[in-house]
Full PDB file with SEQRES, HELIX, SHEET, SSBOND, CRYST1, ORIGX, SCALE, CONECT and MASTER records, all heavy atoms in Angstrom:
SEQRES   1 A   30  PRO ILE ASP LYS LYS GLU LEU GLN ALA ALA VAL ALA LYS          
SEQRES   2 A   30  TYR GLU GLN ILE TYR GLN ILE GLU GLU THR ASN TYR GLN          
SEQRES   3 A   30  ASP LYS ILE LYS                                              
HELIX    1 AA1 LYS A    4  GLU A   21  1                                  18    
HELIX    2 AA2 GLU A   22  ASN A   24  5                                   3    
HELIX    3 AA3 TYR A   25  ILE A   29  1                                   5    
CRYST1    1.000    1.000    1.000  90.00  90.00  90.00 P 1           1          
ORIGX1      1.000000  0.000000  0.000000        0.00000                         
ORIGX2      0.000000  1.000000  0.000000        0.00000                         
ORIGX3      0.000000  0.000000  1.000000        0.00000                         
SCALE1      1.000000  0.000000  0.000000        0.00000                         
SCALE2      0.000000  1.000000  0.000000        0.00000                         
SCALE3      0.000000  0.000000  1.000000        0.00000                         
ATOM      1  N   PRO A   1     -33.605  -9.076 -14.694  1.00  0.00           N  
ATOM      2  CA  PRO A   1     -32.816  -8.280 -13.748  1.00  0.00           C  
ATOM      3  C   PRO A   1     -31.626  -9.084 -13.241  1.00  0.00           C  
ATOM      4  O   PRO A   1     -31.771 -10.271 -12.947  1.00  0.00           O  
ATOM      5  CB  PRO A   1     -33.817  -7.971 -12.629  1.00  0.00           C  
ATOM      6  CG  PRO A   1     -34.805  -9.078 -12.693  1.00  0.00           C  
ATOM      7  CD  PRO A   1     -34.933  -9.453 -14.129  1.00  0.00           C  
ATOM      8  N   ILE A   2     -30.482  -8.452 -13.148  1.00  0.00           N  
ATOM      9  CA  ILE A   2     -29.243  -9.156 -12.850  1.00  0.00           C  
ATOM     10  C   ILE A   2     -29.226  -9.623 -11.399  1.00  0.00           C  
ATOM     11  O   ILE A   2     -29.465  -8.847 -10.473  1.00  0.00           O  
ATOM     12  CB  ILE A   2     -28.036  -8.258 -13.158  1.00  0.00           C  
ATOM     13  CG1 ILE A   2     -27.955  -8.045 -14.677  1.00  0.00           C  
ATOM     14  CG2 ILE A   2     -26.743  -8.881 -12.656  1.00  0.00           C  
ATOM     15  CD1 ILE A   2     -26.951  -7.035 -15.095  1.00  0.00           C  
ATOM     16  N   ASP A   3     -28.926 -10.910 -11.236  1.00  0.00           N  
ATOM     17  CA  ASP A   3     -28.841 -11.519  -9.916  1.00  0.00           C  
ATOM     18  C   ASP A   3     -27.435 -11.317  -9.348  1.00  0.00           C  
ATOM     19  O   ASP A   3     -26.441 -11.513 -10.051  1.00  0.00           O  
ATOM     20  CB  ASP A   3     -29.163 -13.014 -10.028  1.00  0.00           C  
ATOM     21  CG  ASP A   3     -29.083 -13.731  -8.691  1.00  0.00           C  
ATOM     22  OD1 ASP A   3     -30.041 -13.635  -7.912  1.00  0.00           O  
ATOM     23  OD2 ASP A   3     -28.036 -14.363  -8.447  1.00  0.00           O  
ATOM     24  N   LYS A   4     -27.368 -10.960  -8.071  1.00  0.00           N  
ATOM     25  CA  LYS A   4     -26.076 -10.646  -7.454  1.00  0.00           C  
ATOM     26  C   LYS A   4     -25.137 -11.844  -7.464  1.00  0.00           C  
ATOM     27  O   LYS A   4     -23.941 -11.708  -7.735  1.00  0.00           O  
ATOM     28  CB  LYS A   4     -26.286 -10.143  -6.023  1.00  0.00           C  
ATOM     29  CG  LYS A   4     -25.014  -9.683  -5.344  1.00  0.00           C  
ATOM     30  CD  LYS A   4     -25.302  -9.077  -3.974  1.00  0.00           C  
ATOM     31  CE  LYS A   4     -24.019  -8.633  -3.284  1.00  0.00           C  
ATOM     32  NZ  LYS A   4     -24.303  -8.028  -1.958  1.00  0.00           N  
ATOM     33  N   LYS A   5     -25.665 -13.039  -7.199  1.00  0.00           N  
ATOM     34  CA  LYS A   5     -24.812 -14.229  -7.179  1.00  0.00           C  
ATOM     35  C   LYS A   5     -24.282 -14.543  -8.581  1.00  0.00           C  
ATOM     36  O   LYS A   5     -23.122 -14.954  -8.730  1.00  0.00           O  
ATOM     37  CB  LYS A   5     -25.600 -15.413  -6.634  1.00  0.00           C  
ATOM     38  CG  LYS A   5     -25.889 -15.325  -5.134  1.00  0.00           C  
ATOM     39  CD  LYS A   5     -26.598 -16.569  -4.633  1.00  0.00           C  
ATOM     40  CE  LYS A   5     -26.856 -16.481  -3.138  1.00  0.00           C  
ATOM     41  NZ  LYS A   5     -27.563 -17.692  -2.629  1.00  0.00           N  
ATOM     42  N   GLU A   6     -25.122 -14.355  -9.584  1.00  0.00           N  
ATOM     43  CA  GLU A   6     -24.655 -14.598 -10.953  1.00  0.00           C  
ATOM     44  C   GLU A   6     -23.600 -13.578 -11.361  1.00  0.00           C  
ATOM     45  O   GLU A   6     -22.640 -13.906 -12.056  1.00  0.00           O  
ATOM     46  CB  GLU A   6     -25.845 -14.553 -11.917  1.00  0.00           C  
ATOM     47  CG  GLU A   6     -26.812 -15.700 -11.733  1.00  0.00           C  
ATOM     48  CD  GLU A   6     -27.978 -15.648 -12.710  1.00  0.00           C  
ATOM     49  OE1 GLU A   6     -28.061 -14.658 -13.479  1.00  0.00           O  
ATOM     50  OE2 GLU A   6     -28.792 -16.583 -12.700  1.00  0.00           O  
ATOM     51  N   LEU A   7     -23.779 -12.349 -10.923  1.00  0.00           N  
ATOM     52  CA  LEU A   7     -22.772 -11.314 -11.185  1.00  0.00           C  
ATOM     53  C   LEU A   7     -21.461 -11.658 -10.491  1.00  0.00           C  
ATOM     54  O   LEU A   7     -20.379 -11.524 -11.084  1.00  0.00           O  
ATOM     55  CB  LEU A   7     -23.284  -9.956 -10.704  1.00  0.00           C  
ATOM     56  CG  LEU A   7     -22.298  -8.796 -10.798  1.00  0.00           C  
ATOM     57  CD1 LEU A   7     -21.907  -8.525 -12.252  1.00  0.00           C  
ATOM     58  CD2 LEU A   7     -22.890  -7.531 -10.176  1.00  0.00           C  
ATOM     59  N   GLN A   8     -21.543 -12.110  -9.266  1.00  0.00           N  
ATOM     60  CA  GLN A   8     -20.340 -12.486  -8.512  1.00  0.00           C  
ATOM     61  C   GLN A   8     -19.596 -13.615  -9.210  1.00  0.00           C  
ATOM     62  O   GLN A   8     -18.359 -13.604  -9.302  1.00  0.00           O  
ATOM     63  CB  GLN A   8     -20.738 -12.910  -7.098  1.00  0.00           C  
ATOM     64  CG  GLN A   8     -19.570 -13.033  -6.130  1.00  0.00           C  
ATOM     65  CD  GLN A   8     -20.046 -13.136  -4.694  1.00  0.00           C  
ATOM     66  OE1 GLN A   8     -21.172 -13.534  -4.421  1.00  0.00           O  
ATOM     67  NE2 GLN A   8     -19.200 -12.773  -3.761  1.00  0.00           N  
ATOM     68  N   ALA A   9     -20.348 -14.592  -9.732  1.00  0.00           N  
ATOM     69  CA  ALA A   9     -19.724 -15.702 -10.454  1.00  0.00           C  
ATOM     70  C   ALA A   9     -19.052 -15.212 -11.735  1.00  0.00           C  
ATOM     71  O   ALA A   9     -17.964 -15.676 -12.105  1.00  0.00           O  
ATOM     72  CB  ALA A   9     -20.771 -16.762 -10.775  1.00  0.00           C  
ATOM     73  N   ALA A  10     -19.686 -14.256 -12.432  1.00  0.00           N  
ATOM     74  CA  ALA A  10     -19.107 -13.710 -13.658  1.00  0.00           C  
ATOM     75  C   ALA A  10     -17.808 -12.964 -13.363  1.00  0.00           C  
ATOM     76  O   ALA A  10     -16.820 -13.088 -14.105  1.00  0.00           O  
ATOM     77  CB  ALA A  10     -20.110 -12.775 -14.339  1.00  0.00           C  
ATOM     78  N   VAL A  11     -17.801 -12.179 -12.301  1.00  0.00           N  
ATOM     79  CA  VAL A  11     -16.582 -11.451 -11.918  1.00  0.00           C  
ATOM     80  C   VAL A  11     -15.480 -12.433 -11.535  1.00  0.00           C  
ATOM     81  O   VAL A  11     -14.299 -12.223 -11.859  1.00  0.00           O  
ATOM     82  CB  VAL A  11     -16.880 -10.466 -10.771  1.00  0.00           C  
ATOM     83  CG1 VAL A  11     -15.584  -9.870 -10.219  1.00  0.00           C  
ATOM     84  CG2 VAL A  11     -17.816  -9.359 -11.248  1.00  0.00           C  
ATOM     85  N   ALA A  12     -15.846 -13.526 -10.861  1.00  0.00           N  
ATOM     86  CA  ALA A  12     -14.855 -14.548 -10.503  1.00  0.00           C  
ATOM     87  C   ALA A  12     -14.241 -15.175 -11.747  1.00  0.00           C  
ATOM     88  O   ALA A  12     -13.036 -15.455 -11.792  1.00  0.00           O  
ATOM     89  CB  ALA A  12     -15.504 -15.618  -9.624  1.00  0.00           C  
ATOM     90  N   LYS A  13     -15.064 -15.393 -12.793  1.00  0.00           N  
ATOM     91  CA  LYS A  13     -14.535 -15.911 -14.059  1.00  0.00           C  
ATOM     92  C   LYS A  13     -13.491 -14.949 -14.632  1.00  0.00           C  
ATOM     93  O   LYS A  13     -12.440 -15.369 -15.123  1.00  0.00           O  
ATOM     94  CB  LYS A  13     -15.666 -16.090 -15.070  1.00  0.00           C  
ATOM     95  CG  LYS A  13     -16.583 -17.255 -14.816  1.00  0.00           C  
ATOM     96  CD  LYS A  13     -17.617 -17.328 -15.941  1.00  0.00           C  
ATOM     97  CE  LYS A  13     -18.683 -18.350 -15.661  1.00  0.00           C  
ATOM     98  NZ  LYS A  13     -19.706 -18.376 -16.737  1.00  0.00           N  
ATOM     99  N   TYR A  14     -13.822 -13.653 -14.572  1.00  0.00           N  
ATOM    100  CA  TYR A  14     -12.872 -12.661 -15.080  1.00  0.00           C  
ATOM    101  C   TYR A  14     -11.545 -12.753 -14.332  1.00  0.00           C  
ATOM    102  O   TYR A  14     -10.462 -12.714 -14.943  1.00  0.00           O  
ATOM    103  CB  TYR A  14     -13.438 -11.246 -14.962  1.00  0.00           C  
ATOM    104  CG  TYR A  14     -12.361 -10.201 -15.025  1.00  0.00           C  
ATOM    105  CD1 TYR A  14     -11.728  -9.902 -16.239  1.00  0.00           C  
ATOM    106  CD2 TYR A  14     -11.902  -9.556 -13.868  1.00  0.00           C  
ATOM    107  CE1 TYR A  14     -10.701  -8.993 -16.297  1.00  0.00           C  
ATOM    108  CE2 TYR A  14     -10.873  -8.639 -13.925  1.00  0.00           C  
ATOM    109  CZ  TYR A  14     -10.277  -8.351 -15.145  1.00  0.00           C  
ATOM    110  OH  TYR A  14      -9.248  -7.457 -15.192  1.00  0.00           O  
ATOM    111  N   GLU A  15     -11.624 -12.837 -13.019  1.00  0.00           N  
ATOM    112  CA  GLU A  15     -10.391 -12.867 -12.216  1.00  0.00           C  
ATOM    113  C   GLU A  15      -9.540 -14.078 -12.564  1.00  0.00           C  
ATOM    114  O   GLU A  15      -8.300 -13.990 -12.606  1.00  0.00           O  
ATOM    115  CB  GLU A  15     -10.754 -12.852 -10.731  1.00  0.00           C  
ATOM    116  CG  GLU A  15     -11.360 -11.518 -10.295  1.00  0.00           C  
ATOM    117  CD  GLU A  15     -11.894 -11.538  -8.878  1.00  0.00           C  
ATOM    118  OE1 GLU A  15     -12.040 -12.652  -8.312  1.00  0.00           O  
ATOM    119  OE2 GLU A  15     -12.187 -10.448  -8.336  1.00  0.00           O  
ATOM    120  N   GLN A  16     -10.182 -15.226 -12.823  1.00  0.00           N  
ATOM    121  CA  GLN A  16      -9.429 -16.418 -13.224  1.00  0.00           C  
ATOM    122  C   GLN A  16      -8.775 -16.214 -14.593  1.00  0.00           C  
ATOM    123  O   GLN A  16      -7.603 -16.563 -14.793  1.00  0.00           O  
ATOM    124  CB  GLN A  16     -10.355 -17.628 -13.270  1.00  0.00           C  
ATOM    125  CG  GLN A  16     -10.860 -18.070 -11.902  1.00  0.00           C  
ATOM    126  CD  GLN A  16     -11.849 -19.209 -11.999  1.00  0.00           C  
ATOM    127  OE1 GLN A  16     -12.375 -19.507 -13.075  1.00  0.00           O  
ATOM    128  NE2 GLN A  16     -12.131 -19.851 -10.873  1.00  0.00           N  
ATOM    129  N   ILE A  17      -9.537 -15.657 -15.512  1.00  0.00           N  
ATOM    130  CA  ILE A  17      -8.997 -15.398 -16.856  1.00  0.00           C  
ATOM    131  C   ILE A  17      -7.816 -14.438 -16.778  1.00  0.00           C  
ATOM    132  O   ILE A  17      -6.794 -14.626 -17.442  1.00  0.00           O  
ATOM    133  CB  ILE A  17     -10.103 -14.835 -17.769  1.00  0.00           C  
ATOM    134  CG1 ILE A  17     -11.136 -15.903 -18.072  1.00  0.00           C  
ATOM    135  CG2 ILE A  17      -9.507 -14.280 -19.073  1.00  0.00           C  
ATOM    136  CD1 ILE A  17     -12.357 -15.387 -18.800  1.00  0.00           C  
ATOM    137  N   TYR A  18      -7.961 -13.394 -15.963  1.00  0.00           N  
ATOM    138  CA  TYR A  18      -6.905 -12.393 -15.844  1.00  0.00           C  
ATOM    139  C   TYR A  18      -5.610 -13.031 -15.335  1.00  0.00           C  
ATOM    140  O   TYR A  18      -4.528 -12.747 -15.843  1.00  0.00           O  
ATOM    141  CB  TYR A  18      -7.349 -11.282 -14.898  1.00  0.00           C  
ATOM    142  CG  TYR A  18      -6.333 -10.174 -14.752  1.00  0.00           C  
ATOM    143  CD1 TYR A  18      -6.270  -9.144 -15.680  1.00  0.00           C  
ATOM    144  CD2 TYR A  18      -5.433 -10.175 -13.694  1.00  0.00           C  
ATOM    145  CE1 TYR A  18      -5.339  -8.136 -15.566  1.00  0.00           C  
ATOM    146  CE2 TYR A  18      -4.488  -9.171 -13.561  1.00  0.00           C  
ATOM    147  CZ  TYR A  18      -4.455  -8.150 -14.499  1.00  0.00           C  
ATOM    148  OH  TYR A  18      -3.521  -7.153 -14.380  1.00  0.00           O  
ATOM    149  N   GLN A  19      -5.733 -13.903 -14.353  1.00  0.00           N  
ATOM    150  CA  GLN A  19      -4.546 -14.518 -13.750  1.00  0.00           C  
ATOM    151  C   GLN A  19      -3.869 -15.499 -14.703  1.00  0.00           C  
ATOM    152  O   GLN A  19      -2.653 -15.602 -14.752  1.00  0.00           O  
ATOM    153  CB  GLN A  19      -4.936 -15.248 -12.457  1.00  0.00           C  
ATOM    154  CG  GLN A  19      -5.367 -14.317 -11.339  1.00  0.00           C  
ATOM    155  CD  GLN A  19      -5.940 -15.063 -10.155  1.00  0.00           C  
ATOM    156  OE1 GLN A  19      -6.012 -16.294 -10.147  1.00  0.00           O  
ATOM    157  NE2 GLN A  19      -6.358 -14.323  -9.148  1.00  0.00           N  
ATOM    158  N   ILE A  20      -4.679 -16.208 -15.506  1.00  0.00           N  
ATOM    159  CA  ILE A  20      -4.129 -17.307 -16.307  1.00  0.00           C  
ATOM    160  C   ILE A  20      -3.778 -16.892 -17.739  1.00  0.00           C  
ATOM    161  O   ILE A  20      -2.745 -17.272 -18.285  1.00  0.00           O  
ATOM    162  CB  ILE A  20      -5.133 -18.485 -16.342  1.00  0.00           C  
ATOM    163  CG1 ILE A  20      -5.332 -19.020 -14.920  1.00  0.00           C  
ATOM    164  CG2 ILE A  20      -4.644 -19.597 -17.271  1.00  0.00           C  
ATOM    165  CD1 ILE A  20      -6.457 -20.038 -14.809  1.00  0.00           C  
ATOM    166  N   GLU A  21      -4.642 -16.065 -18.349  1.00  0.00           N  
ATOM    167  CA  GLU A  21      -4.541 -15.873 -19.790  1.00  0.00           C  
ATOM    168  C   GLU A  21      -4.266 -14.456 -20.247  1.00  0.00           C  
ATOM    169  O   GLU A  21      -4.252 -14.204 -21.450  1.00  0.00           O  
ATOM    170  CB  GLU A  21      -5.855 -16.339 -20.457  1.00  0.00           C  
ATOM    171  CG  GLU A  21      -6.153 -17.810 -20.222  1.00  0.00           C  
ATOM    172  CD  GLU A  21      -7.406 -18.238 -20.937  1.00  0.00           C  
ATOM    173  OE1 GLU A  21      -8.100 -17.348 -21.473  1.00  0.00           O  
ATOM    174  OE2 GLU A  21      -7.681 -19.438 -20.982  1.00  0.00           O  
ATOM    175  N   GLU A  22      -4.052 -13.516 -19.371  1.00  0.00           N  
ATOM    176  CA  GLU A  22      -3.956 -12.123 -19.798  1.00  0.00           C  
ATOM    177  C   GLU A  22      -2.845 -11.874 -20.806  1.00  0.00           C  
ATOM    178  O   GLU A  22      -2.969 -11.050 -21.703  1.00  0.00           O  
ATOM    179  CB  GLU A  22      -3.755 -11.226 -18.575  1.00  0.00           C  
ATOM    180  CG  GLU A  22      -3.848  -9.737 -18.876  1.00  0.00           C  
ATOM    181  CD  GLU A  22      -5.215  -9.330 -19.411  1.00  0.00           C  
ATOM    182  OE1 GLU A  22      -6.199 -10.018 -19.125  1.00  0.00           O  
ATOM    183  OE2 GLU A  22      -5.274  -8.320 -20.127  1.00  0.00           O  
ATOM    184  N   THR A  23      -1.763 -12.615 -20.722  1.00  0.00           N  
ATOM    185  CA  THR A  23      -0.629 -12.352 -21.605  1.00  0.00           C  
ATOM    186  C   THR A  23      -0.939 -12.620 -23.077  1.00  0.00           C  
ATOM    187  O   THR A  23      -0.408 -11.959 -23.970  1.00  0.00           O  
ATOM    188  CB  THR A  23       0.589 -13.211 -21.187  1.00  0.00           C  
ATOM    189  OG1 THR A  23       0.191 -14.579 -21.147  1.00  0.00           O  
ATOM    190  CG2 THR A  23       1.087 -12.791 -19.815  1.00  0.00           C  
ATOM    191  N   ASN A  24      -1.787 -13.603 -23.335  1.00  0.00           N  
ATOM    192  CA  ASN A  24      -2.080 -13.907 -24.742  1.00  0.00           C  
ATOM    193  C   ASN A  24      -3.540 -13.676 -25.093  1.00  0.00           C  
ATOM    194  O   ASN A  24      -4.038 -14.196 -26.092  1.00  0.00           O  
ATOM    195  CB  ASN A  24      -1.681 -15.346 -25.088  1.00  0.00           C  
ATOM    196  CG  ASN A  24      -2.486 -16.370 -24.300  1.00  0.00           C  
ATOM    197  OD1 ASN A  24      -3.247 -16.005 -23.403  1.00  0.00           O  
ATOM    198  ND2 ASN A  24      -2.310 -17.640 -24.621  1.00  0.00           N  
ATOM    199  N   TYR A  25      -4.229 -12.866 -24.311  1.00  0.00           N  
ATOM    200  CA  TYR A  25      -5.660 -12.638 -24.538  1.00  0.00           C  
ATOM    201  C   TYR A  25      -5.924 -11.984 -25.889  1.00  0.00           C  
ATOM    202  O   TYR A  25      -6.797 -12.410 -26.639  1.00  0.00           O  
ATOM    203  CB  TYR A  25      -6.216 -11.768 -23.407  1.00  0.00           C  
ATOM    204  CG  TYR A  25      -7.698 -11.483 -23.540  1.00  0.00           C  
ATOM    205  CD1 TYR A  25      -8.631 -12.472 -23.271  1.00  0.00           C  
ATOM    206  CD2 TYR A  25      -8.152 -10.231 -23.956  1.00  0.00           C  
ATOM    207  CE1 TYR A  25      -9.991 -12.229 -23.396  1.00  0.00           C  
ATOM    208  CE2 TYR A  25      -9.510  -9.984 -24.083  1.00  0.00           C  
ATOM    209  CZ  TYR A  25     -10.423 -10.990 -23.793  1.00  0.00           C  
ATOM    210  OH  TYR A  25     -11.754 -10.729 -23.932  1.00  0.00           O  
ATOM    211  N   GLN A  26      -5.155 -10.957 -26.221  1.00  0.00           N  
ATOM    212  CA  GLN A  26      -5.404 -10.252 -27.483  1.00  0.00           C  
ATOM    213  C   GLN A  26      -5.166 -11.141 -28.692  1.00  0.00           C  
ATOM    214  O   GLN A  26      -5.859 -11.022 -29.705  1.00  0.00           O  
ATOM    215  CB  GLN A  26      -4.532  -8.994 -27.558  1.00  0.00           C  
ATOM    216  CG  GLN A  26      -4.893  -7.923 -26.544  1.00  0.00           C  
ATOM    217  CD  GLN A  26      -6.316  -7.421 -26.711  1.00  0.00           C  
ATOM    218  OE1 GLN A  26      -6.871  -7.488 -27.802  1.00  0.00           O  
ATOM    219  NE2 GLN A  26      -6.907  -6.929 -25.640  1.00  0.00           N  
ATOM    220  N   ASP A  27      -4.201 -12.052 -28.606  1.00  0.00           N  
ATOM    221  CA  ASP A  27      -3.979 -12.980 -29.711  1.00  0.00           C  
ATOM    222  C   ASP A  27      -5.192 -13.875 -29.919  1.00  0.00           C  
ATOM    223  O   ASP A  27      -5.585 -14.164 -31.059  1.00  0.00           O  
ATOM    224  CB  ASP A  27      -2.747 -13.849 -29.440  1.00  0.00           C  
ATOM    225  CG  ASP A  27      -1.459 -13.043 -29.530  1.00  0.00           C  
ATOM    226  OD1 ASP A  27      -1.490 -11.957 -30.153  1.00  0.00           O  
ATOM    227  OD2 ASP A  27      -0.441 -13.490 -28.975  1.00  0.00           O  
ATOM    228  N   LYS A  28      -5.797 -14.310 -28.814  1.00  0.00           N  
ATOM    229  CA  LYS A  28      -6.985 -15.166 -28.918  1.00  0.00           C  
ATOM    230  C   LYS A  28      -8.153 -14.383 -29.499  1.00  0.00           C  
ATOM    231  O   LYS A  28      -8.941 -14.918 -30.281  1.00  0.00           O  
ATOM    232  CB  LYS A  28      -7.353 -15.722 -27.539  1.00  0.00           C  
ATOM    233  CG  LYS A  28      -6.365 -16.761 -27.022  1.00  0.00           C  
ATOM    234  CD  LYS A  28      -6.885 -17.442 -25.776  1.00  0.00           C  
ATOM    235  CE  LYS A  28      -5.936 -18.563 -25.356  1.00  0.00           C  
ATOM    236  NZ  LYS A  28      -6.450 -19.296 -24.167  1.00  0.00           N  
ATOM    237  N   ILE A  29      -8.271 -13.130 -29.117  1.00  0.00           N  
ATOM    238  CA  ILE A  29      -9.356 -12.294 -29.642  1.00  0.00           C  
ATOM    239  C   ILE A  29      -9.225 -12.147 -31.162  1.00  0.00           C  
ATOM    240  O   ILE A  29     -10.195 -12.262 -31.900  1.00  0.00           O  
ATOM    241  CB  ILE A  29      -9.344 -10.907 -28.979  1.00  0.00           C  
ATOM    242  CG1 ILE A  29      -9.801 -11.015 -27.526  1.00  0.00           C  
ATOM    243  CG2 ILE A  29     -10.236  -9.920 -29.724  1.00  0.00           C  
ATOM    244  CD1 ILE A  29     -11.249 -11.436 -27.381  1.00  0.00           C  
ATOM    245  N   LYS A  30      -8.011 -11.897 -31.650  1.00  0.00           N  
ATOM    246  CA  LYS A  30      -7.804 -11.734 -33.084  1.00  0.00           C  
ATOM    247  C   LYS A  30      -8.164 -13.013 -33.833  1.00  0.00           C  
ATOM    248  O   LYS A  30      -8.795 -12.977 -34.890  1.00  0.00           O  
ATOM    249  CB  LYS A  30      -6.357 -11.341 -33.362  1.00  0.00           C  
ATOM    250  CG  LYS A  30      -6.021  -9.917 -32.932  1.00  0.00           C  
ATOM    251  CD  LYS A  30      -4.565  -9.600 -33.213  1.00  0.00           C  
ATOM    252  CE  LYS A  30      -4.222  -8.177 -32.760  1.00  0.00           C  
ATOM    253  NZ  LYS A  30      -2.791  -7.864 -32.993  1.00  0.00           N  
TER     254      LYS A  30                                                      
MASTER        0    0    0    3    0    0    0    6  253    1    0    3          
END                                                                             
């Protein structure tokens, strides 16, 4: 079962990625 603190940490990772890497994210995915 998903822990709230672990979910919060995962969402925080997303926010960091969005701020830093969003412009070239699709290139990295390819």
